Amino acid sequence: TTRFTPAMGVAATGDKRNAFMMGKVTAIEAKALGVHQIYAPVLDVNNNPENPVINVRSFSGDPEMVADYGTAFMQGVL
């Protein structure tokens, strides 16, 4: 399976197409493996940069940016 940069790195590119492609590749690989449900993306907002649990798995500390990149990812899955 493909290894991706964490969500924060994807958002740091400033290009939502990268989140879209991450979703698309995830869906293609899941289908090839017979997986029918994808529990992604993580839509946590990194409102505390010191929190080691959320950290880079979040697209951003900005809720709107998280929503935009999360939507792009989900559109890629479809």
PDB file of N, CA and C in Angstrom:
ATOM      1  N   THR A   1       0.833  -1.185   0.000  1.00  0.00           N
ATOM      2  CA  THR A   1       0.000   0.000   0.000  1.00  0.00           C
ATOM      3  C   THR A   1       0.876   1.247   0.000  1.00  0.00           C
ATOM      4  N   THR A   2       0.301   2.319  -0.473  1.00  0.00           N
ATOM      5  CA  THR A   2       1.022   3.582  -0.578  1.00  0.00           C
ATOM      6  C   THR A   2       1.129   4.253   0.785  1.00  0.00           C
ATOM      7  N   ARG A   3       2.301   4.782   1.076  1.00  0.00           N
ATOM      8  CA  ARG A   3       2.498   5.554   2.309  1.00  0.00           C
ATOM      9  C   ARG A   3       2.384   7.028   1.954  1.00  0.00           C
ATOM     10  N   PHE A   4       1.566   7.742   2.714  1.00  0.00           N
ATOM     11  CA  PHE A   4       1.355   9.167   2.483  1.00  0.00           C
ATOM     12  C   PHE A   4       1.983   9.986   3.591  1.00  0.00           C
ATOM     13  N   THR A   5       2.293  11.227   3.255  1.00  0.00           N
ATOM     14  CA  THR A   5       2.706  12.171   4.283  1.00  0.00           C
ATOM     15  C   THR A   5       1.507  12.411   5.202  1.00  0.00           C
ATOM     16  N   PRO A   6       1.717  12.759   6.460  1.00  0.00           N
ATOM     17  CA  PRO A   6       0.577  13.048   7.337  1.00  0.00           C
ATOM     18  C   PRO A   6      -0.288  14.186   6.779  1.00  0.00           C
ATOM     19  N   ALA A   7      -1.521  14.243   7.233  1.00  0.00           N
ATOM     20  CA  ALA A   7      -2.492  15.220   6.722  1.00  0.00           C
ATOM     21  C   ALA A   7      -1.972  16.653   6.788  1.00  0.00           C
ATOM     22  N   MET A   8      -1.286  17.016   7.856  1.00  0.00           N
ATOM     23  CA  MET A   8      -0.782  18.380   7.973  1.00  0.00           C
ATOM     24  C   MET A   8       0.208  18.701   6.854  1.00  0.00           C
ATOM     25  N   GLY A   9       1.001  17.725   6.462  1.00  0.00           N
ATOM     26  CA  GLY A   9       1.928  17.915   5.352  1.00  0.00           C
ATOM     27  C   GLY A   9       1.198  18.099   4.034  1.00  0.00           C
ATOM     28  N   VAL A  10       0.107  17.380   3.859  1.00  0.00           N
ATOM     29  CA  VAL A  10      -0.699  17.521   2.641  1.00  0.00           C
ATOM     30  C   VAL A  10      -1.287  18.925   2.577  1.00  0.00           C
ATOM     31  N   ALA A  11      -1.840  19.404   3.683  1.00  0.00           N
ATOM     32  CA  ALA A  11      -2.422  20.746   3.714  1.00  0.00           C
ATOM     33  C   ALA A  11      -1.354  21.823   3.548  1.00  0.00           C
ATOM     34  N   ALA A  12      -0.146  21.553   4.009  1.00  0.00           N
ATOM     35  CA  ALA A  12       0.940  22.531   3.893  1.00  0.00           C
ATOM     36  C   ALA A  12       1.318  22.800   2.441  1.00  0.00           C
ATOM     37  N   THR A  13       0.943  21.904   1.536  1.00  0.00           N
ATOM     38  CA  THR A  13       1.228  22.144   0.114  1.00  0.00           C
ATOM     39  C   THR A  13       0.366  23.267  -0.438  1.00  0.00           C
ATOM     40  N   GLY A  14      -0.764  23.544   0.230  1.00  0.00           N
ATOM     41  CA  GLY A  14      -1.657  24.589  -0.245  1.00  0.00           C
ATOM     42  C   GLY A  14      -2.491  24.179  -1.445  1.00  0.00           C
ATOM     43  N   ASP A  15      -2.497  22.895  -1.758  1.00  0.00           N
ATOM     44  CA  ASP A  15      -3.203  22.398  -2.944  1.00  0.00           C
ATOM     45  C   ASP A  15      -4.144  21.262  -2.547  1.00  0.00           C
ATOM     46  N   LYS A  16      -5.434  21.548  -2.555  1.00  0.00           N
ATOM     47  CA  LYS A  16      -6.426  20.547  -2.145  1.00  0.00           C
ATOM     48  C   LYS A  16      -6.459  19.343  -3.080  1.00  0.00           C
ATOM     49  N   ARG A  17      -5.909  19.495  -4.275  1.00  0.00           N
ATOM     50  CA  ARG A  17      -5.853  18.347  -5.193  1.00  0.00           C
ATOM     51  C   ARG A  17      -5.015  17.217  -4.604  1.00  0.00           C
ATOM     52  N   ASN A  18      -4.058  17.552  -3.768  1.00  0.00           N
ATOM     53  CA  ASN A  18      -3.251  16.506  -3.126  1.00  0.00           C
ATOM     54  C   ASN A  18      -4.096  15.678  -2.162  1.00  0.00           C
ATOM     55  N   ALA A  19      -5.004  16.328  -1.443  1.00  0.00           N
ATOM     56  CA  ALA A  19      -5.916  15.595  -0.555  1.00  0.00           C
ATOM     57  C   ALA A  19      -6.870  14.745  -1.388  1.00  0.00           C
ATOM     58  N   PHE A  20      -7.340  15.294  -2.500  1.00  0.00           N
ATOM     59  CA  PHE A  20      -8.218  14.545  -3.406  1.00  0.00           C
ATOM     60  C   PHE A  20      -7.515  13.276  -3.891  1.00  0.00           C
ATOM     61  N   MET A  21      -6.276  13.416  -4.345  1.00  0.00           N
ATOM     62  CA  MET A  21      -5.531  12.262  -4.863  1.00  0.00           C
ATOM     63  C   MET A  21      -5.233  11.253  -3.759  1.00  0.00           C
ATOM     64  N   MET A  22      -4.989  11.732  -2.552  1.00  0.00           N
ATOM     65  CA  MET A  22      -4.761  10.823  -1.433  1.00  0.00           C
ATOM     66  C   MET A  22      -6.021   9.988  -1.194  1.00  0.00           C
ATOM     67  N   GLY A  23      -7.182  10.616  -1.264  1.00  0.00           N
ATOM     68  CA  GLY A  23      -8.435   9.883  -1.123  1.00  0.00           C
ATOM     69  C   GLY A  23      -8.653   8.900  -2.254  1.00  0.00           C
ATOM     70  N   LYS A  24      -8.332   9.324  -3.461  1.00  0.00           N
ATOM     71  CA  LYS A  24      -8.523   8.459  -4.632  1.00  0.00           C
ATOM     72  C   LYS A  24      -7.644   7.214  -4.552  1.00  0.00           C
ATOM     73  N   VAL A  25      -6.375   7.406  -4.241  1.00  0.00           N
ATOM     74  CA  VAL A  25      -5.452   6.271  -4.136  1.00  0.00           C
ATOM     75  C   VAL A  25      -5.872   5.351  -2.986  1.00  0.00           C
ATOM     76  N   THR A  26      -6.294   5.937  -1.875  1.00  0.00           N
ATOM     77  CA  THR A  26      -6.764   5.137  -0.741  1.00  0.00           C
ATOM     78  C   THR A  26      -7.931   4.254  -1.157  1.00  0.00           C
ATOM     79  N   ALA A  27      -8.885   4.826  -1.899  1.00  0.00           N
ATOM     80  CA  ALA A  27     -10.060   4.063  -2.344  1.00  0.00           C
ATOM     81  C   ALA A  27      -9.683   2.963  -3.330  1.00  0.00           C
ATOM     82  N   ILE A  28      -8.800   3.263  -4.256  1.00  0.00           N
ATOM     83  CA  ILE A  28      -8.372   2.267  -5.251  1.00  0.00           C
ATOM     84  C   ILE A  28      -7.696   1.089  -4.558  1.00  0.00           C
ATOM     85  N   GLU A  29      -6.801   1.392  -3.624  1.00  0.00           N
ATOM     86  CA  GLU A  29      -6.083   0.325  -2.934  1.00  0.00           C
ATOM     87  C   GLU A  29      -7.004  -0.464  -2.004  1.00  0.00           C
ATOM     88  N   ALA A  30      -7.933   0.222  -1.354  1.00  0.00           N
ATOM     89  CA  ALA A  30      -8.882  -0.482  -0.483  1.00  0.00           C
ATOM     90  C   ALA A  30      -9.732  -1.446  -1.305  1.00  0.00           C
ATOM     91  N   LYS A  31     -10.209  -0.983  -2.441  1.00  0.00           N
ATOM     92  CA  LYS A  31     -11.030  -1.841  -3.309  1.00  0.00           C
ATOM     93  C   LYS A  31     -10.235  -3.063  -3.768  1.00  0.00           C
ATOM     94  N   ALA A  32      -8.979  -2.849  -4.137  1.00  0.00           N
ATOM     95  CA  ALA A  32      -8.134  -3.956  -4.597  1.00  0.00           C
ATOM     96  C   ALA A  32      -7.925  -5.001  -3.502  1.00  0.00           C
ATOM     97  N   LEU A  33      -7.975  -4.559  -2.254  1.00  0.00           N
ATOM     98  CA  LEU A  33      -7.792  -5.470  -1.123  1.00  0.00           C
ATOM     99  C   LEU A  33      -9.109  -6.049  -0.611  1.00  0.00           C
ATOM    100  N   GLY A  34     -10.220  -5.643  -1.220  1.00  0.00           N
ATOM    101  CA  GLY A  34     -11.523  -6.137  -0.795  1.00  0.00           C
ATOM    102  C   GLY A  34     -12.091  -5.409   0.409  1.00  0.00           C
ATOM    103  N   VAL A  35     -11.556  -4.232   0.703  1.00  0.00           N
ATOM    104  CA  VAL A  35     -12.042  -3.426   1.822  1.00  0.00           C
ATOM    105  C   VAL A  35     -13.190  -2.555   1.319  1.00  0.00           C
ATOM    106  N   HIS A  36     -14.312  -2.562   2.039  1.00  0.00           N
ATOM    107  CA  HIS A  36     -15.502  -1.850   1.583  1.00  0.00           C
ATOM    108  C   HIS A  36     -15.825  -0.602   2.395  1.00  0.00           C
ATOM    109  N   GLN A  37     -15.079  -0.331   3.450  1.00  0.00           N
ATOM    110  CA  GLN A  37     -15.294   0.866   4.258  1.00  0.00           C
ATOM    111  C   GLN A  37     -13.950   1.518   4.542  1.00  0.00           C
ATOM    112  N   ILE A  38     -13.924   2.836   4.434  1.00  0.00           N
ATOM    113  CA  ILE A  38     -12.707   3.596   4.722  1.00  0.00           C
ATOM    114  C   ILE A  38     -13.029   4.564   5.857  1.00  0.00           C
ATOM    115  N   TYR A  39     -12.314   4.440   6.948  1.00  0.00           N
ATOM    116  CA  TYR A  39     -12.526   5.325   8.091  1.00  0.00           C
ATOM    117  C   TYR A  39     -11.522   6.478   8.041  1.00  0.00           C
ATOM    118  N   ALA A  40     -11.606   7.237   6.995  1.00  0.00           N
ATOM    119  CA  ALA A  40     -10.699   8.356   6.787  1.00  0.00           C
ATOM    120  C   ALA A  40     -11.443   9.403   5.977  1.00  0.00           C
ATOM    121  N   PRO A  41     -11.045  10.624   6.055  1.00  0.00           N
ATOM    122  CA  PRO A  41      -9.883  11.150   6.762  1.00  0.00           C
ATOM    123  C   PRO A  41     -10.216  11.486   8.219  1.00  0.00           C
ATOM    124  N   VAL A  42      -9.183  11.733   8.979  1.00  0.00           N
ATOM    125  CA  VAL A  42      -9.358  12.243  10.338  1.00  0.00           C
ATOM    126  C   VAL A  42      -9.692  13.728  10.208  1.00  0.00           C
ATOM    127  N   LEU A  43     -10.761  14.161  10.847  1.00  0.00           N
ATOM    128  CA  LEU A  43     -11.164  15.568  10.751  1.00  0.00           C
ATOM    129  C   LEU A  43     -10.978  16.309  12.069  1.00  0.00           C
ATOM    130  N   ASP A  44     -10.020  15.857  12.866  1.00  0.00           N
ATOM    131  CA  ASP A  44      -9.690  16.575  14.098  1.00  0.00           C
ATOM    132  C   ASP A  44      -9.102  17.935  13.747  1.00  0.00           C
ATOM    133  N   VAL A  45      -9.397  18.919  14.571  1.00  0.00           N
ATOM    134  CA  VAL A  45      -8.798  20.247  14.431  1.00  0.00           C
ATOM    135  C   VAL A  45      -7.659  20.327  15.435  1.00  0.00           C
ATOM    136  N   ASN A  46      -6.496  20.680  14.967  1.00  0.00           N
ATOM    137  CA  ASN A  46      -5.316  20.748  15.833  1.00  0.00           C
ATOM    138  C   ASN A  46      -5.342  22.062  16.617  1.00  0.00           C
ATOM    139  N   ASN A  47      -6.233  22.146  17.595  1.00  0.00           N
ATOM    140  CA  ASN A  47      -6.376  23.382  18.365  1.00  0.00           C
ATOM    141  C   ASN A  47      -5.392  23.474  19.530  1.00  0.00           C
ATOM    142  N   ASN A  48      -4.591  22.449  19.718  1.00  0.00           N
ATOM    143  CA  ASN A  48      -3.552  22.458  20.745  1.00  0.00           C
ATOM    144  C   ASN A  48      -2.304  21.804  20.159  1.00  0.00           C
ATOM    145  N   PRO A  49      -1.381  22.601  19.615  1.00  0.00           N
ATOM    146  CA  PRO A  49      -0.185  22.048  18.973  1.00  0.00           C
ATOM    147  C   PRO A  49       0.667  21.164  19.881  1.00  0.00           C
ATOM    148  N   GLU A  50       0.469  21.264  21.194  1.00  0.00           N
ATOM    149  CA  GLU A  50       1.231  20.441  22.136  1.00  0.00           C
ATOM    150  C   GLU A  50       0.628  19.051  22.316  1.00  0.00           C
ATOM    151  N   ASN A  51      -0.563  18.828  21.761  1.00  0.00           N
ATOM    152  CA  ASN A  51      -1.244  17.538  21.900  1.00  0.00           C
ATOM    153  C   ASN A  51      -0.586  16.514  20.979  1.00  0.00           C
ATOM    154  N   PRO A  52       0.094  15.524  21.539  1.00  0.00           N
ATOM    155  CA  PRO A  52       0.793  14.554  20.697  1.00  0.00           C
ATOM    156  C   PRO A  52      -0.147  13.575  19.993  1.00  0.00           C
ATOM    157  N   VAL A  53      -1.408  13.515  20.410  1.00  0.00           N
ATOM    158  CA  VAL A  53      -2.348  12.574  19.803  1.00  0.00           C
ATOM    159  C   VAL A  53      -2.838  13.096  18.458  1.00  0.00           C
ATOM    160  N   ILE A  54      -3.260  14.344  18.412  1.00  0.00           N
ATOM    161  CA  ILE A  54      -3.788  14.907  17.158  1.00  0.00           C
ATOM    162  C   ILE A  54      -2.636  15.335  16.253  1.00  0.00           C
ATOM    163  N   ASN A  55      -1.844  16.252  16.686  1.00  0.00           N
ATOM    164  CA  ASN A  55      -0.645  16.725  16.003  1.00  0.00           C
ATOM    165  C   ASN A  55      -0.766  16.706  14.486  1.00  0.00           C
ATOM    166  N   VAL A  56       0.127  16.015  13.773  1.00  0.00           N
ATOM    167  CA  VAL A  56       0.179  16.085  12.310  1.00  0.00           C
ATOM    168  C   VAL A  56      -0.871  15.235  11.607  1.00  0.00           C
ATOM    169  N   ARG A  57      -1.670  14.454  12.350  1.00  0.00           N
ATOM    170  CA  ARG A  57      -2.732  13.699  11.677  1.00  0.00           C
ATOM    171  C   ARG A  57      -3.883  14.620  11.289  1.00  0.00           C
ATOM    172  N   SER A  58      -3.885  15.851  11.841  1.00  0.00           N
ATOM    173  CA  SER A  58      -4.886  16.853  11.495  1.00  0.00           C
ATOM    174  C   SER A  58      -4.400  17.648  10.286  1.00  0.00           C
ATOM    175  N   PHE A  59      -5.334  18.063   9.441  1.00  0.00           N
ATOM    176  CA  PHE A  59      -4.955  18.907   8.310  1.00  0.00           C
ATOM    177  C   PHE A  59      -4.500  20.286   8.774  1.00  0.00           C
ATOM    178  N   SER A  60      -5.049  20.772   9.899  1.00  0.00           N
ATOM    179  CA  SER A  60      -4.747  22.141  10.310  1.00  0.00           C
ATOM    180  C   SER A  60      -5.335  22.437  11.685  1.00  0.00           C
ATOM    181  N   GLY A  61      -4.992  23.596  12.198  1.00  0.00           N
ATOM    182  CA  GLY A  61      -5.619  24.119  13.395  1.00  0.00           C
ATOM    183  C   GLY A  61      -6.816  24.994  13.054  1.00  0.00           C
ATOM    184  N   ASP A  62      -7.025  25.224  11.769  1.00  0.00           N
ATOM    185  CA  ASP A  62      -8.133  26.044  11.285  1.00  0.00           C
ATOM    186  C   ASP A  62      -9.292  25.140  10.858  1.00  0.00           C
ATOM    187  N   PRO A  63     -10.440  25.242  11.529  1.00  0.00           N
ATOM    188  CA  PRO A  63     -11.565  24.348  11.209  1.00  0.00           C
ATOM    189  C   PRO A  63     -11.998  24.402   9.744  1.00  0.00           C
ATOM    190  N   GLU A  64     -11.970  25.592   9.149  1.00  0.00           N
ATOM    191  CA  GLU A  64     -12.379  25.715   7.748  1.00  0.00           C
ATOM    192  C   GLU A  64     -11.412  24.974   6.823  1.00  0.00           C
ATOM    193  N   MET A  65     -10.135  25.072   7.114  1.00  0.00           N
ATOM    194  CA  MET A  65      -9.134  24.372   6.304  1.00  0.00           C
ATOM    195  C   MET A  65      -9.279  22.856   6.461  1.00  0.00           C
ATOM    196  N   VAL A  66      -9.535  22.409   7.677  1.00  0.00           N
ATOM    197  CA  VAL A  66      -9.764  20.978   7.915  1.00  0.00           C
ATOM    198  C   VAL A  66     -10.964  20.508   7.096  1.00  0.00           C
ATOM    199  N   ALA A  67     -12.032  21.300   7.100  1.00  0.00           N
ATOM    200  CA  ALA A  67     -13.234  20.940   6.335  1.00  0.00           C
ATOM    201  C   ALA A  67     -12.947  20.902   4.838  1.00  0.00           C
ATOM    202  N   ASP A  68     -12.207  21.880   4.338  1.00  0.00           N
ATOM    203  CA  ASP A  68     -11.899  21.937   2.903  1.00  0.00           C
ATOM    204  C   ASP A  68     -11.056  20.744   2.450  1.00  0.00           C
ATOM    205  N   TYR A  69     -10.010  20.445   3.202  1.00  0.00           N
ATOM    206  CA  TYR A  69      -9.133  19.336   2.815  1.00  0.00           C
ATOM    207  C   TYR A  69      -9.799  17.983   3.063  1.00  0.00           C
ATOM    208  N   GLY A  70     -10.587  17.904   4.127  1.00  0.00           N
ATOM    209  CA  GLY A  70     -11.335  16.672   4.384  1.00  0.00           C
ATOM    210  C   GLY A  70     -12.348  16.399   3.289  1.00  0.00           C
ATOM    211  N   THR A  71     -13.021  17.449   2.826  1.00  0.00           N
ATOM    212  CA  THR A  71     -13.983  17.305   1.729  1.00  0.00           C
ATOM    213  C   THR A  71     -13.282  16.857   0.459  1.00  0.00           C
ATOM    214  N   ALA A  72     -12.135  17.453   0.168  1.00  0.00           N
ATOM    215  CA  ALA A  72     -11.383  17.061  -1.029  1.00  0.00           C
ATOM    216  C   ALA A  72     -10.992  15.587  -0.959  1.00  0.00           C
ATOM    217  N   PHE A  73     -10.539  15.139   0.208  1.00  0.00           N
ATOM    218  CA  PHE A  73     -10.180  13.733   0.387  1.00  0.00           C
ATOM    219  C   PHE A  73     -11.390  12.845   0.112  1.00  0.00           C
ATOM    220  N   MET A  74     -12.527  13.198   0.716  1.00  0.00           N
ATOM    221  CA  MET A  74     -13.736  12.377   0.551  1.00  0.00           C
ATOM    222  C   MET A  74     -14.223  12.359  -0.894  1.00  0.00           C
ATOM    223  N   GLN A  75     -14.075  13.472  -1.596  1.00  0.00           N
ATOM    224  CA  GLN A  75     -14.445  13.492  -3.013  1.00  0.00           C
ATOM    225  C   GLN A  75     -13.549  12.557  -3.813  1.00  0.00           C
ATOM    226  N   GLY A  76     -12.286  12.467  -3.419  1.00  0.00           N
ATOM    227  CA  GLY A  76     -11.379  11.528  -4.074  1.00  0.00           C
ATOM    228  C   GLY A  76     -11.777  10.086  -3.837  1.00  0.00           C
ATOM    229  N   VAL A  77     -12.296   9.803  -2.667  1.00  0.00           N
ATOM    230  CA  VAL A  77     -12.745   8.444  -2.352  1.00  0.00           C
ATOM    231  C   VAL A  77     -13.928   8.054  -3.232  1.00  0.00           C
ATOM    232  N   LEU A  78     -14.806   9.019  -3.512  1.00  0.00           N
ATOM    233  CA  LEU A  78     -15.990   8.728  -4.320  1.00  0.00           C
ATOM    234  C   LEU A  78     -15.603   8.477  -5.751  1.00  0.00           C
TER     235      LEU A  78
END
